[in-house]
Amino acid sequence: MELGKELVRRGIGLVYGGGSVGIMGVLSRAVQEGGGDVVGVIPEALTPIELSGPMVGTTIVVRTMHERKAKMASLADCFIALPGGYGTLEELMEMLTWSNLGFHSKPVGVLNVVNYYDPLLQMFDRMVTTGFLLQAQRDIIICESTPSGLIDQLLLRGGETARDGGQPPLPTRPILPSHGGESLGGGDNDGNNESKGTLTVPRHAEETGTLTVARHAEETGTLTVPRHAEETGCQYREDKAT
């Protein structure tokens, strides 16, 4: 694969999803066979699905999908999305979202082989024209049609990041709790929470200076979080959001 050869030529290692099948397998083997460093990160539950034959390079087995993405994000200096399906889009969107929220400033790019990502890029442009996305947010993503061109742009953007002071800490836990569970804040679920102005925030919010609140929180005064909220970093505040 041309991308794998280009990474090796430039002395750039590969951090990837740990699978040995599909594009993941082709890319990782190309880097390894060229003498490059390869680190794979894979959830234990996916090893029967995504592994076929011997593992490529160093493999780190984690418990959950979030741990996989957080580990890859912490090890990598930039992110490249190749043509793929739901999983590829989900990981691409998470890296773009983390960048937008200030959790990292590592460059994010897509390798737009035979215009594969044109419809997605057009959707991003439509988000800008309709007011759902700022142009600065749209500009986070880097798009090139060749591996060499994409790597050039990623290195250029990465150099700008280094000059700006490096990386903020990445989230090590799920950013938002899942739906369902118990109401936090010492009240019951009969509406009394409105007078208390209950609000849950991620533990990293104070560190990053960012806070996102559901639009309905102010109207209803309640926000539901799971029983493991304390473990995932939710805190109770008695003041209302402003």
C-alpha atoms as a PDB file:
ATOM      1  CA  MET A   1       0.000   0.000   0.000  1.00  0.00           C
ATOM      2  CA  GLU A   2       1.322   3.407  -1.024  1.00  0.00           C
ATOM      3  CA  LEU A   3       0.492   5.049   2.309  1.00  0.00           C
ATOM      4  CA  GLY A   4       2.437   2.407   4.232  1.00  0.00           C
ATOM      5  CA  LYS A   5       5.468   2.852   1.985  1.00  0.00           C
ATOM      6  CA  GLU A   6       5.290   6.631   2.367  1.00  0.00           C
ATOM      7  CA  LEU A   7       5.163   6.367   6.160  1.00  0.00           C
ATOM      8  CA  VAL A   8       8.234   4.124   6.151  1.00  0.00           C
ATOM      9  CA  ARG A   9      10.088   6.403   3.725  1.00  0.00           C
ATOM     10  CA  ARG A  10       9.600   9.334   6.093  1.00  0.00           C
ATOM     11  CA  GLY A  11      10.398   7.372   9.246  1.00  0.00           C
ATOM     12  CA  ILE A  12       6.854   7.661  10.599  1.00  0.00           C
ATOM     13  CA  GLY A  13       5.426   4.800  12.665  1.00  0.00           C
ATOM     14  CA  LEU A  14       1.849   3.518  12.596  1.00  0.00           C
ATOM     15  CA  VAL A  15      -0.713   3.383  15.410  1.00  0.00           C
ATOM     16  CA  TYR A  16      -3.863   1.613  14.239  1.00  0.00           C
ATOM     17  CA  GLY A  17      -6.849  -0.469  15.342  1.00  0.00           C
ATOM     18  CA  GLY A  18      -4.897  -3.706  15.738  1.00  0.00           C
ATOM     19  CA  GLY A  19      -6.755  -5.787  13.155  1.00  0.00           C
ATOM     20  CA  SER A  20      -5.024  -7.964  10.602  1.00  0.00           C
ATOM     21  CA  VAL A  21      -7.886  -8.088   8.081  1.00  0.00           C
ATOM     22  CA  GLY A  22      -9.076  -5.591   5.465  1.00  0.00           C
ATOM     23  CA  ILE A  23      -7.346  -2.251   4.916  1.00  0.00           C
ATOM     24  CA  MET A  24      -6.009  -2.319   8.480  1.00  0.00           C
ATOM     25  CA  GLY A  25      -4.151  -5.535   7.767  1.00  0.00           C
ATOM     26  CA  VAL A  26      -2.799  -4.390   4.408  1.00  0.00           C
ATOM     27  CA  LEU A  27      -1.535  -1.079   5.792  1.00  0.00           C
ATOM     28  CA  SER A  28       0.021  -2.509   8.959  1.00  0.00           C
ATOM     29  CA  ARG A  29       1.834  -5.262   7.060  1.00  0.00           C
ATOM     30  CA  ALA A  30       3.146  -2.744   4.513  1.00  0.00           C
ATOM     31  CA  VAL A  31       4.659  -0.657   7.301  1.00  0.00           C
ATOM     32  CA  GLN A  32       6.073  -3.659   9.141  1.00  0.00           C
ATOM     33  CA  GLU A  33       7.559  -5.217   5.999  1.00  0.00           C
ATOM     34  CA  GLY A  34       9.233  -1.906   5.222  1.00  0.00           C
ATOM     35  CA  GLY A  35      10.878  -1.864   8.647  1.00  0.00           C
ATOM     36  CA  GLY A  36       8.561   0.675  10.270  1.00  0.00           C
ATOM     37  CA  ASP A  37       7.173   0.617  13.803  1.00  0.00           C
ATOM     38  CA  VAL A  38       3.611  -0.690  14.174  1.00  0.00           C
ATOM     39  CA  VAL A  39       1.431  -0.514  17.304  1.00  0.00           C
ATOM     40  CA  GLY A  40      -2.077  -1.967  17.236  1.00  0.00           C
ATOM     41  CA  VAL A  41      -4.765  -1.328  19.853  1.00  0.00           C
ATOM     42  CA  ILE A  42      -7.734  -3.672  19.911  1.00  0.00           C
ATOM     43  CA  PRO A  43     -10.575  -4.442  22.364  1.00  0.00           C
ATOM     44  CA  GLU A  44     -10.515  -7.984  23.663  1.00  0.00           C
ATOM     45  CA  ALA A  45     -14.043  -8.683  22.363  1.00  0.00           C
ATOM     46  CA  LEU A  46     -12.999  -7.895  18.777  1.00  0.00           C
ATOM     47  CA  THR A  47      -9.952 -10.158  18.589  1.00  0.00           C
ATOM     48  CA  PRO A  48     -11.941 -13.088  17.111  1.00  0.00           C
ATOM     49  CA  ILE A  49     -13.391 -10.749  14.440  1.00  0.00           C
ATOM     50  CA  GLU A  50     -10.536  -8.468  13.453  1.00  0.00           C
ATOM     51  CA  LEU A  51      -7.567 -10.788  13.886  1.00  0.00           C
ATOM     52  CA  SER A  52      -6.724 -13.450  11.316  1.00  0.00           C
ATOM     53  CA  GLY A  53      -3.296 -15.016  11.472  1.00  0.00           C
ATOM     54  CA  PRO A  54      -0.368 -13.582  13.433  1.00  0.00           C
ATOM     55  CA  MET A  55      -0.573 -10.133  15.033  1.00  0.00           C
ATOM     56  CA  VAL A  56       1.298  -7.333  13.278  1.00  0.00           C
ATOM     57  CA  GLY A  57       3.829  -5.371  15.310  1.00  0.00           C
ATOM     58  CA  THR A  58       3.114  -4.644  18.965  1.00  0.00           C
ATOM     59  CA  THR A  59      -0.481  -5.304  19.988  1.00  0.00           C
ATOM     60  CA  ILE A  60      -2.167  -3.703  22.998  1.00  0.00           C
ATOM     61  CA  VAL A  61      -5.406  -5.390  24.101  1.00  0.00           C
ATOM     62  CA  VAL A  62      -7.868  -3.167  25.979  1.00  0.00           C
ATOM     63  CA  ARG A  63     -11.311  -3.702  27.467  1.00  0.00           C
ATOM     64  CA  THR A  64     -13.555  -1.247  25.628  1.00  0.00           C
ATOM     65  CA  MET A  65     -13.909   0.661  22.373  1.00  0.00           C
ATOM     66  CA  HIS A  66     -13.429   3.956  24.191  1.00  0.00           C
ATOM     67  CA  GLU A  67     -10.182   2.728  25.723  1.00  0.00           C
ATOM     68  CA  ARG A  68      -9.054   1.728  22.247  1.00  0.00           C
ATOM     69  CA  LYS A  69      -9.708   5.175  20.784  1.00  0.00           C
ATOM     70  CA  ALA A  70      -8.277   7.014  23.780  1.00  0.00           C
ATOM     71  CA  LYS A  71      -5.112   4.905  23.681  1.00  0.00           C
ATOM     72  CA  MET A  72      -4.610   5.375  19.949  1.00  0.00           C
ATOM     73  CA  ALA A  73      -5.248   9.109  20.328  1.00  0.00           C
ATOM     74  CA  SER A  74      -2.662   9.420  23.093  1.00  0.00           C
ATOM     75  CA  LEU A  75      -0.015   7.464  21.165  1.00  0.00           C
ATOM     76  CA  ALA A  76      -0.522   9.163  17.794  1.00  0.00           C
ATOM     77  CA  ASP A  77       0.779  12.556  16.659  1.00  0.00           C
ATOM     78  CA  CYS A  78      -1.852  12.939  13.930  1.00  0.00           C
ATOM     79  CA  PHE A  79      -4.831  11.058  12.485  1.00  0.00           C
ATOM     80  CA  ILE A  80      -5.537   9.745   8.989  1.00  0.00           C
ATOM     81  CA  ALA A  81      -8.872   8.293   7.865  1.00  0.00           C
ATOM     82  CA  LEU A  82      -8.786   5.955   4.887  1.00  0.00           C
ATOM     83  CA  PRO A  83     -11.944   4.967   2.991  1.00  0.00           C
ATOM     84  CA  GLY A  84     -14.095   2.891   5.332  1.00  0.00           C
ATOM     85  CA  GLY A  85     -17.511   2.326   6.866  1.00  0.00           C
ATOM     86  CA  TYR A  86     -19.322   3.191  10.082  1.00  0.00           C
ATOM     87  CA  GLY A  87     -16.362   2.507  12.347  1.00  0.00           C
ATOM     88  CA  THR A  88     -14.050   4.719  10.305  1.00  0.00           C
ATOM     89  CA  LEU A  89     -16.574   7.565  10.281  1.00  0.00           C
ATOM     90  CA  GLU A  90     -17.202   7.231  14.014  1.00  0.00           C
ATOM     91  CA  GLU A  91     -13.502   7.471  14.838  1.00  0.00           C
ATOM     92  CA  LEU A  92     -12.987  10.345  12.405  1.00  0.00           C
ATOM     93  CA  MET A  93     -15.880  12.292  13.905  1.00  0.00           C
ATOM     94  CA  GLU A  94     -14.644  11.698  17.429  1.00  0.00           C
ATOM     95  CA  MET A  95     -11.175  13.030  16.621  1.00  0.00           C
ATOM     96  CA  LEU A  96     -12.720  16.075  14.907  1.00  0.00           C
ATOM     97  CA  THR A  97     -15.036  16.635  17.873  1.00  0.00           C
ATOM     98  CA  TRP A  98     -12.226  16.298  20.412  1.00  0.00           C
ATOM     99  CA  SER A  99     -10.222  18.827  18.407  1.00  0.00           C
ATOM    100  CA  ASN A 100     -13.179  21.197  18.245  1.00  0.00           C
ATOM    101  CA  LEU A 101     -13.690  20.917  22.027  1.00  0.00           C
ATOM    102  CA  GLY A 102     -10.020  21.548  22.725  1.00  0.00           C
ATOM    103  CA  PHE A 103      -9.139  18.068  23.985  1.00  0.00           C
ATOM    104  CA  HIS A 104      -6.334  17.866  21.437  1.00  0.00           C
ATOM    105  CA  SER A 105      -4.812  19.971  18.676  1.00  0.00           C
ATOM    106  CA  LYS A 106      -3.341  17.141  16.643  1.00  0.00           C
ATOM    107  CA  PRO A 107      -3.953  17.375  12.879  1.00  0.00           C
ATOM    108  CA  VAL A 108      -6.780  15.280  11.409  1.00  0.00           C
ATOM    109  CA  GLY A 109      -6.838  14.290   7.740  1.00  0.00           C
ATOM    110  CA  VAL A 110      -8.657  12.110   5.247  1.00  0.00           C
ATOM    111  CA  LEU A 111      -7.052  10.330   2.317  1.00  0.00           C
ATOM    112  CA  ASN A 112      -9.614  11.090  -0.367  1.00  0.00           C
ATOM    113  CA  VAL A 113      -8.902   8.178  -2.716  1.00  0.00           C
ATOM    114  CA  VAL A 114     -10.884   8.453  -5.998  1.00  0.00           C
ATOM    115  CA  ASN A 115     -13.000  11.198  -4.393  1.00  0.00           C
ATOM    116  CA  TYR A 116     -14.422   8.768  -1.826  1.00  0.00           C
ATOM    117  CA  TYR A 117     -14.936  11.461   0.806  1.00  0.00           C
ATOM    118  CA  ASP A 118     -16.382  14.128  -1.516  1.00  0.00           C
ATOM    119  CA  PRO A 119     -19.999  13.663  -0.274  1.00  0.00           C
ATOM    120  CA  LEU A 120     -18.885  13.930   3.366  1.00  0.00           C
ATOM    121  CA  LEU A 121     -16.809  17.044   2.665  1.00  0.00           C
ATOM    122  CA  GLN A 122     -19.779  18.555   0.826  1.00  0.00           C
ATOM    123  CA  MET A 123     -21.906  17.828   3.888  1.00  0.00           C
ATOM    124  CA  PHE A 124     -19.403  19.694   6.062  1.00  0.00           C
ATOM    125  CA  ASP A 125     -19.593  22.627   3.635  1.00  0.00           C
ATOM    126  CA  ARG A 126     -23.386  22.555   3.869  1.00  0.00           C
ATOM    127  CA  MET A 127     -23.124  22.657   7.667  1.00  0.00           C
ATOM    128  CA  VAL A 128     -21.162  25.903   7.300  1.00  0.00           C
ATOM    129  CA  THR A 129     -23.601  27.528   4.873  1.00  0.00           C
ATOM    130  CA  THR A 130     -26.585  26.568   7.046  1.00  0.00           C
ATOM    131  CA  GLY A 131     -24.956  27.848  10.224  1.00  0.00           C
ATOM    132  CA  PHE A 132     -24.407  24.553  12.033  1.00  0.00           C
ATOM    133  CA  LEU A 133     -20.626  24.695  11.690  1.00  0.00           C
ATOM    134  CA  LEU A 134     -18.163  27.569  11.779  1.00  0.00           C
ATOM    135  CA  GLN A 135     -15.643  27.851   8.972  1.00  0.00           C
ATOM    136  CA  ALA A 136     -12.850  27.509  11.527  1.00  0.00           C
ATOM    137  CA  GLN A 137     -14.367  24.202  12.634  1.00  0.00           C
ATOM    138  CA  ARG A 138     -14.683  23.054   9.025  1.00  0.00           C
ATOM    139  CA  ASP A 139     -11.014  23.883   8.495  1.00  0.00           C
ATOM    140  CA  ILE A 140      -9.931  21.376  11.169  1.00  0.00           C
ATOM    141  CA  ILE A 141     -10.079  18.538   8.645  1.00  0.00           C
ATOM    142  CA  ILE A 142      -7.289  18.206   6.074  1.00  0.00           C
ATOM    143  CA  CYS A 143      -8.048  16.510   2.767  1.00  0.00           C
ATOM    144  CA  GLU A 144      -5.625  15.302   0.107  1.00  0.00           C
ATOM    145  CA  SER A 145      -5.891  12.668  -2.606  1.00  0.00           C
ATOM    146  CA  THR A 146      -2.336  11.276  -2.306  1.00  0.00           C
ATOM    147  CA  PRO A 147      -0.436   9.896   0.709  1.00  0.00           C
ATOM    148  CA  SER A 148       2.542  12.195   0.136  1.00  0.00           C
ATOM    149  CA  GLY A 149       0.342  15.285  -0.185  1.00  0.00           C
ATOM    150  CA  LEU A 150      -1.650  14.409   2.919  1.00  0.00           C
ATOM    151  CA  ILE A 151       1.430  13.703   5.039  1.00  0.00           C
ATOM    152  CA  ASP A 152       2.976  17.000   3.895  1.00  0.00           C
ATOM    153  CA  GLN A 153      -0.085  18.896   5.111  1.00  0.00           C
ATOM    154  CA  LEU A 154      -0.323  16.945   8.376  1.00  0.00           C
ATOM    155  CA  LEU A 155       3.335  17.654   9.153  1.00  0.00           C
ATOM    156  CA  LEU A 156       2.843  21.325   8.332  1.00  0.00           C
ATOM    157  CA  ARG A 157      -0.203  21.568  10.621  1.00  0.00           C
ATOM    158  CA  GLY A 158       1.600  19.554  13.296  1.00  0.00           C
ATOM    159  CA  GLY A 159       4.517  21.981  13.217  1.00  0.00           C
ATOM    160  CA  GLU A 160       2.109  24.857  13.761  1.00  0.00           C
ATOM    161  CA  THR A 161       0.647  23.022  16.754  1.00  0.00           C
ATOM    162  CA  ALA A 162       4.091  22.525  18.292  1.00  0.00           C
ATOM    163  CA  ARG A 163       4.860  26.226  17.887  1.00  0.00           C
ATOM    164  CA  ASP A 164       1.565  27.092  19.567  1.00  0.00           C
ATOM    165  CA  GLY A 165       2.568  25.265  22.738  1.00  0.00           C
ATOM    166  CA  GLY A 166       1.875  21.569  22.246  1.00  0.00           C
ATOM    167  CA  GLN A 167      -1.039  19.373  23.250  1.00  0.00           C
ATOM    168  CA  PRO A 168      -3.690  19.667  25.957  1.00  0.00           C
ATOM    169  CA  PRO A 169      -4.473  16.433  27.853  1.00  0.00           C
ATOM    170  CA  LEU A 170      -6.735  13.964  26.057  1.00  0.00           C
ATOM    171  CA  PRO A 171      -9.839  12.621  27.818  1.00  0.00           C
ATOM    172  CA  THR A 172      -9.152   9.253  29.405  1.00  0.00           C
ATOM    173  CA  ARG A 173     -12.799   8.472  30.173  1.00  0.00           C
ATOM    174  CA  PRO A 174     -16.029   8.734  28.163  1.00  0.00           C
ATOM    175  CA  ILE A 175     -16.784  12.427  27.752  1.00  0.00           C
ATOM    176  CA  LEU A 176     -20.536  12.064  28.248  1.00  0.00           C
ATOM    177  CA  PRO A 177     -22.388   9.491  30.361  1.00  0.00           C
ATOM    178  CA  SER A 178     -24.832   7.191  28.618  1.00  0.00           C
ATOM    179  CA  HIS A 179     -28.565   7.808  28.893  1.00  0.00           C
ATOM    180  CA  GLY A 180     -30.558   6.273  31.709  1.00  0.00           C
ATOM    181  CA  GLY A 181     -29.799   5.548  35.346  1.00  0.00           C
ATOM    182  CA  GLU A 182     -30.399   7.654  38.448  1.00  0.00           C
ATOM    183  CA  SER A 183     -30.751  11.381  38.952  1.00  0.00           C
ATOM    184  CA  LEU A 184     -27.749  12.956  40.652  1.00  0.00           C
ATOM    185  CA  GLY A 185     -27.948  15.717  43.217  1.00  0.00           C
ATOM    186  CA  GLY A 186     -29.655  14.249  46.271  1.00  0.00           C
ATOM    187  CA  GLY A 187     -33.225  14.820  45.049  1.00  0.00           C
ATOM    188  CA  ASP A 188     -35.870  12.491  43.794  1.00  0.00           C
ATOM    189  CA  ASN A 189     -37.228  12.408  40.254  1.00  0.00           C
ATOM    190  CA  ASP A 190     -40.540  14.171  40.926  1.00  0.00           C
ATOM    191  CA  GLY A 191     -39.489  17.599  39.673  1.00  0.00           C
ATOM    192  CA  ASN A 192     -37.852  18.888  42.870  1.00  0.00           C
ATOM    193  CA  ASN A 193     -34.567  19.114  41.059  1.00  0.00           C
ATOM    194  CA  GLU A 194     -35.714  22.290  39.286  1.00  0.00           C
ATOM    195  CA  SER A 195     -35.486  24.294  42.506  1.00  0.00           C
ATOM    196  CA  LYS A 196     -32.064  22.865  43.177  1.00  0.00           C
ATOM    197  CA  GLY A 197     -30.741  23.700  39.699  1.00  0.00           C
ATOM    198  CA  THR A 198     -28.972  20.374  39.369  1.00  0.00           C
ATOM    199  CA  LEU A 199     -26.266  20.037  36.791  1.00  0.00           C
ATOM    200  CA  THR A 200     -23.684  17.389  36.017  1.00  0.00           C
ATOM    201  CA  VAL A 201     -20.423  18.230  34.288  1.00  0.00           C
ATOM    202  CA  PRO A 202     -17.436  16.157  33.158  1.00  0.00           C
ATOM    203  CA  ARG A 203     -14.488  16.232  35.529  1.00  0.00           C
ATOM    204  CA  HIS A 204     -12.238  17.514  32.747  1.00  0.00           C
ATOM    205  CA  ALA A 205     -14.479  20.570  32.112  1.00  0.00           C
ATOM    206  CA  GLU A 206     -12.666  22.711  34.671  1.00  0.00           C
ATOM    207  CA  GLU A 207      -9.306  21.712  33.210  1.00  0.00           C
ATOM    208  CA  THR A 208     -10.243  22.547  29.635  1.00  0.00           C
ATOM    209  CA  GLY A 209     -12.448  25.544  30.353  1.00  0.00           C
ATOM    210  CA  THR A 210     -15.293  24.131  28.279  1.00  0.00           C
ATOM    211  CA  LEU A 211     -18.762  23.006  29.296  1.00  0.00           C
ATOM    212  CA  THR A 212     -21.638  21.767  27.189  1.00  0.00           C
ATOM    213  CA  VAL A 213     -25.120  21.651  28.717  1.00  0.00           C
ATOM    214  CA  ALA A 214     -28.187  20.048  27.150  1.00  0.00           C
ATOM    215  CA  ARG A 215     -30.687  22.678  26.023  1.00  0.00           C
ATOM    216  CA  HIS A 216     -33.449  21.097  28.090  1.00  0.00           C
ATOM    217  CA  ALA A 217     -31.436  21.220  31.322  1.00  0.00           C
ATOM    218  CA  GLU A 218     -32.372  24.814  32.124  1.00  0.00           C
ATOM    219  CA  GLU A 219     -36.016  24.233  31.186  1.00  0.00           C
ATOM    220  CA  THR A 220     -36.498  21.103  33.258  1.00  0.00           C
ATOM    221  CA  GLY A 221     -33.796  21.586  35.872  1.00  0.00           C
ATOM    222  CA  THR A 222     -32.901  17.909  35.667  1.00  0.00           C
ATOM    223  CA  LEU A 223     -30.267  15.854  33.987  1.00  0.00           C
ATOM    224  CA  THR A 224     -30.151  12.084  34.294  1.00  0.00           C
ATOM    225  CA  VAL A 225     -26.861  10.229  34.644  1.00  0.00           C
ATOM    226  CA  PRO A 226     -25.990   6.557  35.159  1.00  0.00           C
ATOM    227  CA  ARG A 227     -25.226   4.979  38.528  1.00  0.00           C
ATOM    228  CA  HIS A 228     -21.521   4.969  37.689  1.00  0.00           C
ATOM    229  CA  ALA A 229     -21.508   8.761  37.238  1.00  0.00           C
ATOM    230  CA  GLU A 230     -18.868   9.216  39.918  1.00  0.00           C
ATOM    231  CA  GLU A 231     -16.628   6.742  38.128  1.00  0.00           C
ATOM    232  CA  THR A 232     -17.025   8.485  34.769  1.00  0.00           C
ATOM    233  CA  GLY A 233     -16.219  11.882  36.176  1.00  0.00           C
ATOM    234  CA  CYS A 234     -19.608  13.539  36.727  1.00  0.00           C
ATOM    235  CA  GLN A 235     -19.863  16.072  39.521  1.00  0.00           C
ATOM    236  CA  TYR A 236     -22.862  17.726  41.173  1.00  0.00           C
ATOM    237  CA  ARG A 237     -23.100  21.496  41.139  1.00  0.00           C
ATOM    238  CA  GLU A 238     -25.858  23.413  42.964  1.00  0.00           C
ATOM    239  CA  ASP A 239     -25.648  26.488  40.758  1.00  0.00           C
ATOM    240  CA  LYS A 240     -27.478  26.780  37.448  1.00  0.00           C
ATOM    241  CA  ALA A 241     -25.671  27.091  34.173  1.00  0.00           C
ATOM    242  CA  THR A 242     -25.308  30.546  32.700  1.00  0.00           C
END
